Amino acid sequence: MINPSKYIRKAIKDAINNTYKVFDTRVPNSNTEKKYVIMSTQSKEIDKANKCNYRWDATILLDLVCIYNVKGNTGSRVEVDDMENEVFQLV
């Protein structure tokens, strides 16, 4: 049985990284991107429905971040909604 977690993170990063910068859990202080994705919470469990071999049920939470450098109204959710649509198509 192989732990699938690192392979899932790699596949997601490879799919998204050309469009948005992808970080695993933490964003470095040197980051200057205004839009990026954080792979944060990840979990997995063995699906016991099949007794012949192992199958995993895995989830990962993707935090989509869009930073606005303005005072007062800090933008809208429309830009993040557009990011979400792009990420859905990439993954």
N, C-alpha and C. Protein backbone atom coordinates (compact mmCIF):
# COMPACT_ATOMS: atom_id res chain seq x y z
N MET A 1 0.85 -1.17 0.00
CA MET A 1 0.00 0.00 0.00
C MET A 1 0.90 1.24 0.00
N ILE A 2 0.61 2.17 -0.90
CA ILE A 2 1.41 3.39 -1.02
C ILE A 2 0.56 4.59 -0.60
N ASN A 3 1.14 5.44 0.22
CA ASN A 3 0.49 6.68 0.63
C ASN A 3 0.37 7.60 -0.59
N PRO A 4 -0.84 7.99 -1.00
CA PRO A 4 -1.01 8.78 -2.22
C PRO A 4 -0.83 10.28 -2.03
N SER A 5 -0.66 10.76 -0.82
CA SER A 5 -0.71 12.20 -0.54
C SER A 5 0.26 13.03 -1.37
N LYS A 6 1.54 12.66 -1.41
CA LYS A 6 2.51 13.48 -2.13
C LYS A 6 2.26 13.45 -3.64
N TYR A 7 1.72 12.34 -4.14
CA TYR A 7 1.43 12.25 -5.58
C TYR A 7 0.24 13.12 -5.96
N ILE A 8 -0.73 13.20 -5.06
CA ILE A 8 -1.88 14.08 -5.29
C ILE A 8 -1.43 15.54 -5.31
N ARG A 9 -0.62 15.93 -4.32
CA ARG A 9 -0.14 17.32 -4.28
C ARG A 9 0.69 17.66 -5.51
N LYS A 10 1.54 16.74 -5.95
CA LYS A 10 2.36 16.99 -7.13
C LYS A 10 1.50 17.14 -8.37
N ALA A 11 0.49 16.29 -8.53
CA ALA A 11 -0.39 16.37 -9.69
C ALA A 11 -1.15 17.69 -9.73
N ILE A 12 -1.63 18.12 -8.58
CA ILE A 12 -2.36 19.39 -8.51
C ILE A 12 -1.42 20.55 -8.82
N LYS A 13 -0.23 20.54 -8.22
CA LYS A 13 0.73 21.61 -8.48
C LYS A 13 1.12 21.66 -9.95
N ASP A 14 1.38 20.50 -10.55
CA ASP A 14 1.75 20.46 -11.97
C ASP A 14 0.63 20.98 -12.86
N ALA A 15 -0.63 20.72 -12.48
CA ALA A 15 -1.77 21.15 -13.29
C ALA A 15 -2.01 22.66 -13.19
N ILE A 16 -1.80 23.23 -12.01
CA ILE A 16 -2.17 24.64 -11.78
C ILE A 16 -0.99 25.60 -11.91
N ASN A 17 0.23 25.16 -11.64
CA ASN A 17 1.37 26.05 -11.45
C ASN A 17 1.70 26.94 -12.65
N ASN A 18 1.31 26.56 -13.86
CA ASN A 18 1.57 27.43 -15.02
C ASN A 18 0.60 28.60 -15.07
N THR A 19 -0.53 28.48 -14.39
CA THR A 19 -1.53 29.55 -14.38
C THR A 19 -1.45 30.39 -13.11
N TYR A 20 -1.37 29.74 -11.97
CA TYR A 20 -1.24 30.40 -10.67
C TYR A 20 -0.12 29.73 -9.89
N LYS A 21 0.59 30.52 -9.12
CA LYS A 21 1.62 29.98 -8.23
C LYS A 21 0.92 29.12 -7.17
N VAL A 22 1.49 27.95 -6.88
CA VAL A 22 0.90 27.03 -5.92
C VAL A 22 1.88 26.82 -4.76
N PHE A 23 1.37 26.94 -3.54
CA PHE A 23 2.17 26.75 -2.35
C PHE A 23 1.60 25.61 -1.52
N ASP A 24 2.48 24.86 -0.88
CA ASP A 24 2.08 23.75 -0.03
C ASP A 24 2.06 24.22 1.42
N THR A 25 0.91 24.53 1.93
CA THR A 25 0.64 24.91 3.32
C THR A 25 1.03 26.34 3.67
N ARG A 26 2.25 26.77 3.32
CA ARG A 26 2.72 28.10 3.73
C ARG A 26 3.19 28.91 2.52
N VAL A 27 3.00 30.21 2.63
CA VAL A 27 3.45 31.13 1.58
C VAL A 27 4.70 31.83 2.08
N PRO A 28 5.79 31.79 1.32
CA PRO A 28 7.01 32.45 1.78
C PRO A 28 6.86 33.97 1.79
N ASN A 29 7.61 34.62 2.65
CA ASN A 29 7.57 36.10 2.73
C ASN A 29 8.03 36.75 1.44
N SER A 30 8.82 36.05 0.66
CA SER A 30 9.34 36.61 -0.59
C SER A 30 8.31 36.60 -1.72
N ASN A 31 7.14 36.01 -1.50
CA ASN A 31 6.13 35.94 -2.55
C ASN A 31 5.61 37.32 -2.92
N THR A 32 5.55 37.62 -4.21
CA THR A 32 5.02 38.90 -4.68
C THR A 32 3.76 38.73 -5.52
N GLU A 33 3.32 37.50 -5.68
CA GLU A 33 2.12 37.23 -6.48
C GLU A 33 0.88 37.78 -5.78
N LYS A 34 -0.05 38.32 -6.56
CA LYS A 34 -1.31 38.83 -6.02
C LYS A 34 -2.41 37.78 -6.06
N LYS A 35 -2.22 36.75 -6.89
CA LYS A 35 -3.16 35.64 -6.97
C LYS A 35 -2.36 34.35 -6.85
N TYR A 36 -2.77 33.49 -5.94
CA TYR A 36 -2.08 32.22 -5.80
C TYR A 36 -2.99 31.20 -5.12
N VAL A 37 -2.54 29.95 -5.09
CA VAL A 37 -3.30 28.84 -4.51
C VAL A 37 -2.47 28.22 -3.39
N ILE A 38 -3.13 27.95 -2.27
CA ILE A 38 -2.48 27.26 -1.16
C ILE A 38 -3.13 25.88 -1.02
N MET A 39 -2.30 24.83 -1.07
CA MET A 39 -2.80 23.49 -0.77
C MET A 39 -2.69 23.33 0.74
N SER A 40 -3.81 23.38 1.43
CA SER A 40 -3.73 23.39 2.89
C SER A 40 -4.10 22.04 3.49
N THR A 41 -5.31 21.83 3.86
CA THR A 41 -5.72 20.63 4.57
C THR A 41 -5.83 19.45 3.62
N GLN A 42 -5.24 18.32 3.99
CA GLN A 42 -5.32 17.11 3.18
C GLN A 42 -5.62 15.93 4.09
N SER A 43 -6.51 15.05 3.64
CA SER A 43 -6.83 13.86 4.41
C SER A 43 -7.05 12.68 3.47
N LYS A 44 -7.00 11.50 4.04
CA LYS A 44 -7.22 10.28 3.25
C LYS A 44 -7.67 9.17 4.17
N GLU A 45 -8.40 8.23 3.61
CA GLU A 45 -8.74 7.01 4.33
C GLU A 45 -8.92 5.89 3.32
N ILE A 46 -8.72 4.69 3.79
CA ILE A 46 -8.85 3.53 2.91
C ILE A 46 -10.33 3.21 2.72
N ASP A 47 -10.71 3.03 1.47
CA ASP A 47 -12.06 2.61 1.14
C ASP A 47 -12.12 1.09 1.34
N LYS A 48 -12.85 0.66 2.33
CA LYS A 48 -12.88 -0.77 2.68
C LYS A 48 -13.93 -1.56 1.91
N ALA A 49 -14.54 -0.95 0.89
CA ALA A 49 -15.58 -1.64 0.12
C ALA A 49 -15.00 -2.76 -0.74
N ASN A 50 -13.73 -2.66 -1.05
CA ASN A 50 -13.08 -3.65 -1.90
C ASN A 50 -12.10 -4.46 -1.06
N LYS A 51 -12.31 -5.76 -0.94
CA LYS A 51 -11.45 -6.60 -0.11
C LYS A 51 -10.26 -7.17 -0.88
N CYS A 52 -10.24 -6.98 -2.19
CA CYS A 52 -9.17 -7.56 -3.02
C CYS A 52 -7.91 -6.70 -3.05
N ASN A 53 -8.06 -5.39 -2.98
CA ASN A 53 -6.89 -4.50 -2.93
C ASN A 53 -7.30 -3.19 -2.27
N TYR A 54 -6.39 -2.24 -2.23
CA TYR A 54 -6.66 -1.00 -1.53
C TYR A 54 -7.06 0.12 -2.49
N ARG A 55 -7.96 0.94 -2.04
CA ARG A 55 -8.35 2.14 -2.77
C ARG A 55 -8.50 3.25 -1.73
N TRP A 56 -8.01 4.42 -2.07
CA TRP A 56 -8.04 5.55 -1.13
C TRP A 56 -9.16 6.51 -1.50
N ASP A 57 -9.79 7.09 -0.48
CA ASP A 57 -10.64 8.27 -0.63
C ASP A 57 -9.81 9.42 -0.08
N ALA A 58 -9.46 10.36 -0.94
CA ALA A 58 -8.57 11.45 -0.52
C ALA A 58 -9.21 12.80 -0.83
N THR A 59 -8.96 13.77 0.04
CA THR A 59 -9.43 15.14 -0.17
C THR A 59 -8.28 16.10 0.10
N ILE A 60 -8.34 17.23 -0.57
CA ILE A 60 -7.38 18.31 -0.31
C ILE A 60 -8.13 19.64 -0.46
N LEU A 61 -7.85 20.56 0.42
CA LEU A 61 -8.47 21.88 0.38
C LEU A 61 -7.55 22.84 -0.35
N LEU A 62 -8.07 23.49 -1.37
CA LEU A 62 -7.31 24.50 -2.10
C LEU A 62 -7.84 25.87 -1.71
N ASP A 63 -6.99 26.69 -1.10
CA ASP A 63 -7.35 28.06 -0.75
C ASP A 63 -6.94 28.96 -1.91
N LEU A 64 -7.90 29.65 -2.51
CA LEU A 64 -7.61 30.58 -3.59
C LEU A 64 -7.47 31.98 -3.00
N VAL A 65 -6.34 32.61 -3.25
CA VAL A 65 -6.04 33.90 -2.65
C VAL A 65 -5.91 34.95 -3.74
N CYS A 66 -6.61 36.07 -3.54
CA CYS A 66 -6.54 37.20 -4.46
C CYS A 66 -6.38 38.46 -3.61
N ILE A 67 -5.25 39.13 -3.74
CA ILE A 67 -4.92 40.28 -2.90
C ILE A 67 -5.19 41.58 -3.66
N TYR A 68 -5.91 42.48 -3.02
CA TYR A 68 -6.19 43.80 -3.58
C TYR A 68 -5.41 44.84 -2.79
N ASN A 69 -4.65 45.68 -3.45
CA ASN A 69 -3.88 46.72 -2.78
C ASN A 69 -4.58 48.07 -2.91
N VAL A 70 -5.76 48.16 -2.32
CA VAL A 70 -6.51 49.42 -2.33
C VAL A 70 -7.08 49.67 -0.94
N LYS A 71 -7.38 50.91 -0.65
CA LYS A 71 -8.01 51.26 0.62
C LYS A 71 -9.52 51.26 0.44
N GLY A 72 -10.22 51.07 1.52
CA GLY A 72 -11.68 51.09 1.45
C GLY A 72 -12.22 49.78 0.92
N ASN A 73 -12.95 49.85 -0.18
CA ASN A 73 -13.53 48.65 -0.78
C ASN A 73 -12.39 47.76 -1.28
N THR A 74 -12.32 46.56 -0.76
CA THR A 74 -11.21 45.68 -1.08
C THR A 74 -11.49 44.76 -2.26
N GLY A 75 -12.37 45.16 -3.15
CA GLY A 75 -12.64 44.36 -4.34
C GLY A 75 -13.89 43.53 -4.17
N SER A 76 -14.04 42.56 -5.04
CA SER A 76 -15.22 41.72 -4.99
C SER A 76 -14.82 40.25 -5.12
N ARG A 77 -15.79 39.40 -4.97
CA ARG A 77 -15.53 37.96 -5.07
C ARG A 77 -15.52 37.47 -6.52
N VAL A 78 -15.85 38.34 -7.45
CA VAL A 78 -15.92 37.94 -8.85
C VAL A 78 -14.57 37.45 -9.35
N GLU A 79 -13.50 38.12 -8.98
CA GLU A 79 -12.17 37.71 -9.43
C GLU A 79 -11.79 36.34 -8.88
N VAL A 80 -12.16 36.06 -7.64
CA VAL A 80 -11.88 34.74 -7.07
C VAL A 80 -12.78 33.69 -7.72
N ASP A 81 -14.01 34.05 -8.03
CA ASP A 81 -14.89 33.12 -8.75
C ASP A 81 -14.29 32.74 -10.10
N ASP A 82 -13.70 33.71 -10.79
CA ASP A 82 -13.05 33.43 -12.06
C ASP A 82 -11.83 32.52 -11.87
N MET A 83 -11.07 32.77 -10.80
CA MET A 83 -9.94 31.88 -10.47
C MET A 83 -10.43 30.46 -10.24
N GLU A 84 -11.53 30.35 -9.49
CA GLU A 84 -12.08 29.03 -9.18
C GLU A 84 -12.46 28.28 -10.45
N ASN A 85 -13.10 28.96 -11.38
CA ASN A 85 -13.47 28.32 -12.64
C ASN A 85 -12.25 27.84 -13.41
N GLU A 86 -11.20 28.65 -13.44
CA GLU A 86 -9.97 28.25 -14.12
C GLU A 86 -9.34 27.02 -13.46
N VAL A 87 -9.27 27.03 -12.12
CA VAL A 87 -8.67 25.92 -11.39
C VAL A 87 -9.48 24.64 -11.60
N PHE A 88 -10.81 24.74 -11.58
CA PHE A 88 -11.65 23.56 -11.84
C PHE A 88 -11.34 22.94 -13.19
N GLN A 89 -11.12 23.77 -14.19
CA GLN A 89 -10.83 23.25 -15.52
C GLN A 89 -9.43 22.65 -15.62
N LEU A 90 -8.52 23.14 -14.81
CA LEU A 90 -7.13 22.64 -14.86
C LEU A 90 -6.95 21.32 -14.11
N VAL A 91 -7.72 21.14 -13.06
CA VAL A 91 -7.51 19.95 -12.20
C VAL A 91 -8.27 18.77 -12.73
